[in-house]
Protein backbone atom coordinates (compact mmCIF):
# COMPACT_ATOMS: atom_id res chain seq x y z
CA MET A 1 74.49 -7.91 65.34
CA ARG A 2 74.87 -5.33 62.80
CA ASN A 3 74.56 -5.60 59.15
CA ALA A 4 75.83 -2.45 57.20
CA TYR A 5 73.51 -2.78 54.46
CA ILE A 6 70.50 -3.41 56.93
CA ASP A 7 71.80 -0.13 58.46
CA ASN A 8 72.01 1.88 55.25
CA LEU A 9 68.79 0.54 53.85
CA ARG A 10 66.82 1.68 57.26
CA SER A 11 68.89 4.80 57.10
CA PHE A 12 67.73 5.34 53.36
CA THR A 13 64.03 4.86 53.99
CA VAL A 14 63.76 7.15 56.60
CA ALA A 15 65.61 9.56 54.63
CA LEU A 16 62.13 9.04 52.09
CA VAL A 17 60.09 9.03 55.23
CA VAL A 18 61.32 12.93 55.69
CA VAL A 19 60.88 13.84 52.14
CA TYR A 20 57.45 12.14 51.77
CA HIS A 21 56.30 14.22 54.69
CA VAL A 22 57.39 17.36 53.35
CA ILE A 23 55.93 16.67 50.01
CA TYR A 24 52.38 15.54 52.42
CA MET A 25 52.24 18.83 53.77
CA TYR A 26 51.68 21.01 50.90
CA ASN A 27 49.93 18.21 49.17
CA SER A 28 46.50 18.63 47.05
CA ILE A 29 45.26 14.91 47.51
CA LEU A 30 45.06 14.16 51.23
CA THR A 31 44.53 18.13 52.73
CA ALA A 32 43.10 17.07 56.29
CA GLY A 33 45.70 18.56 58.93
CA VAL A 34 48.14 19.52 56.72
CA ILE A 35 48.77 22.88 55.45
CA GLY A 36 47.96 21.79 51.68
CA PRO A 37 48.51 23.23 48.50
CA ILE A 38 50.74 26.22 47.83
CA GLY A 39 51.36 27.21 43.98
CA GLU A 40 51.18 24.83 41.32
CA THR A 41 53.48 22.13 42.55
CA ALA A 42 50.19 19.12 42.74
CA TRP A 43 52.95 17.27 40.25
CA LEU A 44 54.90 16.79 43.19
CA ASP A 45 52.31 14.68 44.62
CA ALA A 46 53.18 11.69 42.46
CA LEU A 47 56.17 10.75 44.67
CA GLN A 48 53.69 10.34 47.42
CA TYR A 49 52.16 7.47 45.43
CA LEU A 50 55.65 6.19 44.60
CA LEU A 51 57.10 6.33 48.01
CA TYR A 52 53.66 5.52 50.21
CA PRO A 53 52.80 1.77 49.18
CA TRP A 54 56.32 0.62 50.41
CA PHE A 55 58.40 2.12 52.39
CA MET A 56 56.69 1.33 55.86
CA LEU A 57 56.29 -2.25 54.95
CA ILE A 58 59.87 -2.31 54.42
CA LEU A 59 60.67 -1.07 57.64
CA PHE A 60 58.83 -3.84 58.91
CA VAL A 61 60.58 -6.32 56.79
CA VAL A 62 63.68 -5.01 58.58
CA SER A 63 62.38 -4.98 61.71
CA GLY A 64 61.45 -8.68 61.92
CA MET A 65 64.57 -9.56 60.44
CA CYS A 66 66.70 -7.60 63.28
CA SER A 67 64.36 -9.43 65.50
CA ARG A 68 65.48 -12.98 64.29
CA TRP A 69 69.24 -11.82 64.73
CA TYR A 70 68.88 -10.17 68.25
CA LEU A 71 66.95 -13.60 69.34
CA GLN A 72 70.07 -15.76 68.57
CA SER A 73 72.17 -14.22 71.20
CA HIS A 74 69.72 -12.57 74.25
CA THR A 75 66.71 -14.67 75.59
CA GLU A 76 62.67 -13.93 74.91
CA ARG A 77 63.06 -11.58 78.15
CA GLU A 78 66.07 -9.50 76.86
CA TYR A 79 64.02 -9.02 73.51
CA LEU A 80 61.13 -7.89 74.77
CA ARG A 81 62.59 -5.50 77.79
CA SER A 82 64.60 -4.08 74.56
CA ARG A 83 61.91 -3.85 72.38
CA THR A 84 59.15 -2.08 75.44
CA ARG A 85 61.90 -0.09 76.23
CA LYS A 86 62.89 1.15 72.53
CA LEU A 87 59.08 0.93 71.18
CA LEU A 88 56.08 1.01 73.78
CA VAL A 89 57.60 3.51 76.16
CA PRO A 90 58.80 6.19 73.55
CA SER A 91 55.05 5.98 72.02
CA THR A 92 53.26 5.97 74.98
CA VAL A 93 55.09 8.04 77.82
CA GLY A 94 56.55 10.18 75.40
CA VAL A 95 53.22 10.43 73.56
CA LEU A 96 51.76 11.84 77.40
CA VAL A 97 55.44 14.01 77.76
CA PHE A 98 56.19 15.38 74.58
CA GLY A 99 53.25 14.49 72.15
CA TRP A 100 51.24 17.33 72.54
CA ALA A 101 53.51 19.84 70.96
CA GLN A 102 53.11 17.75 67.58
CA GLY A 103 49.46 17.72 68.85
CA ALA A 104 49.34 21.16 68.71
CA CYS A 105 50.46 21.79 65.48
CA ASN A 106 47.85 19.08 63.91
CA MET A 107 44.82 20.83 65.51
CA ALA A 108 46.29 24.38 64.25
CA MET A 109 46.71 23.10 60.76
CA SER A 110 43.25 22.14 61.06
CA GLY A 111 41.80 24.91 62.29
CA ALA A 112 40.56 22.86 65.85
CA LEU A 113 43.09 24.65 68.28
CA GLY A 114 40.25 27.16 69.57
CA MET A 115 38.05 24.00 70.34
CA LEU A 116 40.23 22.94 73.11
CA ARG A 117 39.42 26.49 75.44
CA GLU A 118 35.95 24.67 75.67
CA VAL A 119 37.19 21.58 77.43
CA PRO A 120 38.89 21.39 80.91
CA PRO A 121 42.54 21.99 81.29
CA PRO A 122 43.44 18.06 81.64
CA VAL A 123 40.93 16.97 79.21
CA ALA A 124 42.72 19.60 76.33
CA TYR A 125 46.17 18.25 77.34
CA LEU A 126 45.02 14.53 76.89
CA ILE A 127 42.86 15.79 73.43
CA LEU A 128 46.50 17.49 72.55
CA CYS A 129 49.12 14.44 73.81
CA VAL A 130 46.66 11.98 70.99
CA SER A 131 46.36 14.11 68.30
CA GLY A 132 49.95 14.53 68.92
CA THR A 133 50.81 10.60 68.33
CA GLY A 134 52.15 11.22 64.51
CA VAL A 135 54.52 9.18 63.24
CA LEU A 136 54.68 6.80 66.72
CA TRP A 137 52.12 4.70 65.43
CA THR A 138 54.74 2.66 63.57
CA ILE A 139 56.55 1.94 66.75
CA GLN A 140 53.31 0.81 68.48
CA VAL A 141 52.58 -1.60 65.78
CA MET A 142 56.05 -2.83 66.28
CA TRP A 143 55.87 -3.67 69.91
CA VAL A 144 52.54 -5.47 69.47
CA LEU A 145 54.26 -7.46 66.38
CA SER A 146 57.17 -8.26 68.63
CA VAL A 147 55.03 -9.41 71.64
CA LEU A 148 53.14 -11.63 69.00
CA LEU A 149 56.46 -12.84 67.78
CA LEU A 150 57.05 -14.19 71.26
CA LEU A 151 54.06 -16.03 71.58
CA LEU A 152 54.37 -17.68 68.08
CA ARG A 153 57.68 -18.75 69.05
CA ARG A 154 56.26 -21.08 71.62
CA VAL A 155 54.28 -22.99 69.01
CA GLU A 156 56.60 -23.15 65.73
CA ARG A 157 59.95 -23.54 67.61
CA GLY A 158 62.24 -23.13 65.08
CA ARG A 159 60.24 -24.29 62.09
CA LEU A 160 59.11 -20.89 60.01
CA ALA A 161 63.08 -19.99 60.10
CA ALA A 162 64.21 -23.43 59.12
CA VAL A 163 61.55 -23.60 56.10
CA GLY A 164 62.20 -19.73 55.02
CA ALA A 165 66.56 -20.35 54.22
CA LYS A 166 64.87 -23.04 51.78
CA THR A 167 62.79 -20.19 49.69
CA GLY A 168 63.92 -19.36 46.20
CA VAL A 169 63.75 -16.09 44.00
CA PRO A 170 60.08 -17.42 42.73
CA ALA A 171 58.89 -18.63 45.88
CA LEU A 172 59.57 -14.85 47.00
CA LEU A 173 57.80 -13.40 44.04
CA LEU A 174 55.23 -15.40 44.94
CA LEU A 175 55.03 -14.96 48.82
CA GLY A 176 53.32 -11.17 47.50
CA ILE A 177 50.08 -13.70 47.16
CA PRO A 178 49.76 -13.80 50.54
CA VAL A 179 50.85 -10.13 51.38
CA TRP A 180 48.15 -9.09 49.10
CA ALA A 181 45.50 -11.11 51.21
CA ALA A 182 47.17 -9.52 54.60
CA ALA A 183 46.53 -6.06 53.39
CA GLN A 184 42.92 -6.85 53.29
CA VAL A 185 42.52 -7.73 56.96
CA LEU A 186 43.03 -6.15 60.06
CA ASN A 187 43.01 -2.66 58.90
CA THR A 188 41.87 0.23 61.51
CA PRO A 189 38.75 2.21 60.58
CA VAL A 190 39.11 5.91 60.37
CA ILE A 191 42.95 6.19 61.26
CA ALA A 192 44.51 4.01 58.17
CA VAL A 193 47.91 4.05 58.99
CA TYR A 194 46.90 0.74 61.39
CA ARG A 195 47.34 -1.85 58.73
CA PHE A 196 48.70 -4.52 61.25
CA GLY A 197 47.52 -7.42 58.33
CA ILE A 198 50.29 -6.37 55.69
CA TYR A 199 52.70 -4.60 57.98
CA GLY A 200 52.32 -7.99 60.34
CA ALA A 201 53.26 -10.51 57.20
CA GLY A 202 55.74 -8.30 56.30
CA PHE A 203 57.59 -8.58 60.18
CA LEU A 204 56.97 -12.10 59.69
CA LEU A 205 58.38 -12.73 56.31
CA GLY A 206 61.48 -10.69 57.61
CA TYR A 207 61.73 -12.91 60.82
CA ALA A 208 61.69 -16.25 58.98
CA VAL A 209 62.73 -15.94 55.18
CA PHE A 210 64.62 -12.57 54.52
CA SER A 211 67.21 -13.08 57.71
CA HIS A 212 68.80 -15.52 56.12
CA GLU A 213 71.95 -14.93 54.04
CA GLU A 214 71.07 -17.68 51.95
CA VAL A 215 67.82 -15.90 50.49
CA MET A 216 69.48 -12.53 50.60
CA GLU A 217 72.37 -13.82 48.12
CA ARG A 218 69.75 -15.54 46.03
CA LEU A 219 68.11 -11.99 45.95
CA SER A 220 70.64 -10.06 45.50
CA ARG A 221 71.98 -11.84 42.76
CA ARG A 222 68.47 -10.42 41.01
CA ALA A 223 68.86 -7.22 42.32
CA ALA A 224 68.82 -5.28 38.98
CA PRO A 225 65.83 -6.94 36.92
CA LEU A 226 63.71 -6.30 40.28
CA LEU A 227 64.60 -3.43 40.62
CA ALA A 228 63.71 -2.34 36.86
CA ALA A 229 60.55 -4.42 37.48
CA ALA A 230 59.39 -2.68 40.79
CA LEU A 231 60.30 0.73 39.20
CA ALA A 232 57.81 -0.20 36.16
CA LEU A 233 54.80 -1.29 38.10
CA GLY A 234 55.57 1.94 40.46
CA ALA A 235 55.00 4.11 37.46
CA VAL A 236 52.04 2.15 36.37
CA TYR A 237 50.32 2.61 39.67
CA THR A 238 50.98 5.97 40.20
CA PHE A 239 49.55 6.29 36.41
CA VAL A 240 46.64 4.65 37.41
CA SER A 241 45.98 5.69 41.04
CA TYR A 242 46.75 9.47 41.06
CA GLY A 243 43.82 11.64 42.43
CA GLN A 244 42.59 8.89 44.69
CA ASP A 245 43.09 8.48 48.45
CA TYR A 246 46.32 6.41 48.39
CA ALA A 247 46.39 6.00 51.75
CA GLN A 248 42.90 4.22 51.51
CA SER A 249 40.84 1.12 49.77
CA PRO A 250 40.98 0.64 47.15
CA ALA A 251 44.15 2.29 45.92
CA VAL A 252 46.09 1.03 49.13
CA ASN A 253 45.57 -2.48 49.27
CA SER A 254 44.81 -2.82 45.40
CA PRO A 255 46.35 -5.79 43.67
CA LEU A 256 48.67 -3.47 41.74
CA ALA A 257 49.69 -2.02 45.11
CA ILE A 258 50.43 -4.65 46.80
CA ALA A 259 52.28 -5.97 43.60
CA TYR A 260 54.48 -2.61 43.46
CA ALA A 261 55.16 -2.64 47.42
CA TRP A 262 56.27 -6.04 47.42
CA GLY A 263 58.32 -5.81 44.46
CA MET A 264 59.93 -2.61 45.64
CA CYS A 265 60.89 -4.22 49.16
CA LEU A 266 62.29 -7.43 47.04
CA ALA A 267 64.16 -5.02 45.02
CA LEU A 268 65.37 -2.76 47.31
CA LEU A 269 66.72 -5.81 49.57
CA GLY A 270 68.58 -7.27 47.47
CA ALA A 271 70.05 -3.90 45.89
CA PHE A 272 71.12 -3.04 49.19
CA TYR A 273 72.64 -6.27 50.01
CA ARG A 274 74.68 -6.51 47.12
CA TRP A 275 75.67 -2.87 46.74
CA GLY A 276 74.55 -0.78 49.91
CA GLY A 277 76.82 -2.73 52.31
CA ARG A 278 79.53 -0.29 52.57
CA SER A 279 80.23 1.73 55.91
CA SER A 280 81.59 5.47 56.03
CA ARG A 281 81.19 8.03 58.50
CA LEU A 282 78.21 9.34 56.70
CA THR A 283 76.10 6.30 56.87
CA ALA A 284 77.03 5.67 60.61
CA PHE A 285 76.18 8.83 61.51
CA ALA A 286 73.03 8.26 59.38
CA ALA A 287 72.38 5.15 60.93
CA GLN A 288 73.13 6.07 64.91
CA LYS A 289 70.75 9.16 64.09
CA SER A 290 68.16 7.73 62.04
CA PHE A 291 65.47 7.08 65.02
CA GLY A 292 65.76 10.44 66.08
CA LEU A 293 65.20 11.68 62.74
CA TYR A 294 62.01 9.64 62.27
CA VAL A 295 60.75 10.39 65.72
CA PHE A 296 61.27 14.51 65.68
CA HIS A 297 61.05 15.43 61.81
CA TYR A 298 57.24 15.91 61.55
CA LEU A 299 57.34 18.34 64.49
CA ALA A 300 60.35 20.10 62.79
CA LEU A 301 58.42 20.25 59.56
CA SER A 302 55.03 21.29 61.27
CA VAL A 303 56.43 24.18 63.01
CA THR A 304 58.35 25.33 59.72
CA ALA A 305 55.00 24.64 57.68
CA LEU A 306 52.91 27.08 60.14
CA LEU A 307 55.41 29.71 60.58
CA LEU A 308 56.14 29.83 56.37
CA THR A 309 53.03 29.73 55.45
CA GLY A 310 51.36 32.30 58.29
CA TYR A 311 54.18 34.82 58.43
CA THR A 312 55.81 34.69 54.33
CA SER A 313 54.77 35.02 51.50
CA LEU A 314 57.62 33.10 50.08
CA PRO A 315 56.99 31.25 46.73
CA ALA A 316 56.34 27.75 46.92
CA PRO A 317 60.32 26.08 45.54
CA ALA A 318 61.36 28.02 48.35
CA VAL A 319 58.47 26.89 50.98
CA TYR A 320 59.50 23.44 49.73
CA LEU A 321 62.96 23.58 49.94
CA ILE A 322 63.33 25.71 53.56
CA SER A 323 60.64 22.58 54.64
CA ALA A 324 63.03 19.66 53.94
CA VAL A 325 66.09 21.49 55.18
CA MET A 326 64.05 22.14 58.55
CA ALA A 327 62.92 18.84 58.72
CA PHE A 328 66.40 17.28 58.72
CA ALA A 329 68.53 19.67 60.77
CA CYS A 330 66.18 20.60 63.62
CA GLY A 331 64.59 17.16 63.65
CA LEU A 332 68.55 16.22 64.18
CA ALA A 333 69.12 18.97 66.75
CA LEU A 334 66.03 18.00 68.17
CA TYR A 335 67.08 14.29 69.04
CA GLU A 336 70.49 15.48 70.13
CA LEU A 337 68.76 18.25 72.51
CA VAL A 338 66.27 15.24 73.96
CA ALA A 339 68.95 12.58 73.73
CA ARG A 340 71.22 14.37 76.88
CA VAL A 341 68.03 14.92 79.13
CA PRO A 342 68.00 11.91 81.17
CA VAL A 343 64.72 11.61 81.83
CA LEU A 344 63.20 13.05 78.82
CA ARG A 345 65.29 10.96 76.64
CA TRP A 346 64.09 7.73 78.71
CA CYS A 347 60.43 8.81 78.18
CA VAL A 348 60.77 10.21 74.38
CA LEU A 349 63.49 7.96 73.11
CA GLY A 350 63.57 4.88 74.97
CA ILE A 351 67.32 5.39 75.93
CA SER A 352 68.63 4.60 78.96
CA LYS A 353 71.76 5.59 80.87
CA ARG A 354 73.74 3.02 79.60
CA ARG A 355 73.62 2.94 75.67
CA LYS A 356 72.97 -1.21 74.84
CA ASN A 357 72.46 -3.22 72.00
CA HIS A 358 68.96 -3.27 70.53
CA VAL A 359 67.06 -4.34 68.22
CA SER A 360 64.68 -1.69 65.83
C-alpha cells in the first residue's frame, strides 16, 4: 500500500537529514569524528537543535505505519523476509562489503587512520567496517523493532490497533508523556544514537495509532495550530539548550526536547496528510531514491569535506554549498551505480533481481 503523503514526508525528512549532516560536518558543538568548525559559522549550529530531536523519531513512526499496512496484505513470513532483505542485509553484510570506505573517511577525520598500520590487515579491515556503520544504525534498529512487532502481534492479536483507531487529538498530545518515559530507557552507552526506547515507542505508535485514516483525519484538522506550537517549542528548546551536547542526556531526553520532538511529529504528520499528498514527477523521483540517498549521502559528504578542507582554502559559505550539492548529487550517483551491480546491490541496498513491493 502506497500513500503519497507518507512517501513525501519520508523524502522531506531524508532531505533534512542530508542538510543536518552538512551542518554537522562543520559544527562547533560535536566535533569528534567530523571536520569541525570552519569560519564564523557557529550560528548554523542552531539548525542541529531544530532538527535532531524529531527527524529520526518521525521516520520510526512512519516505519510503524507502513508495517501495519504491509501486514494487512502480506503474511508475517513475507514481512520478516522483506524486512530482513531491506534492512538487516544492508546493515550487516553491506557494512562488511562497503563500510570500509566510510570507516576510512571517519578515521581520517579523527586522525586515527595511522593506527591501522599497527594491527594485522584483517583486523584493520574489520575496524574500518565497524567504524563505517554510519547512518545504517537506523535500519539496524528498525529490523530489531520489526522482529519484536511480530512477537507482540502474537500476544495482542489486533487489540492495540482497535484501541488506536479511537485516539483523538487530546489523547495524541498526551501520548507525549509515555514517549518521554520511553526516551529515558534502553539507550545504549557510548553510542548515543541507539535509542531503542523512544524509537520503539514511535514505531509502535505508528503501527497501532497513526496507521488509521480516521486518526490522521483528526490530526490533519489541527495541523496549522500544531505546526505553529511545534515551531515555538523548537525555538524555545534551541534557545535553552544551545551549546549543550544535543545528542546526549540531559539535553536529548529532557521534557522540553521530547515535547518539541513529539509536537513536531504530530504537526508534520497532520500537515503532510492535509497538504502533502500531491504526486508529481519530482515527488515520485524523490520517493524512489530517498533510501539510496540516505544510505550514500554521508560517504559523498565525507569525501567532499576531506578534499575541500585538505586541498583548498575556499571560504566557509562555498564549502557548505559545495558539500551540500555533492552530498545530494554524488549520494544519488552512488546509489544509481550500486543499484546496477547485481550482487553488490543485494549486499548494500537489499535489492534483489526482481523489484517487489517493500515496506520501509
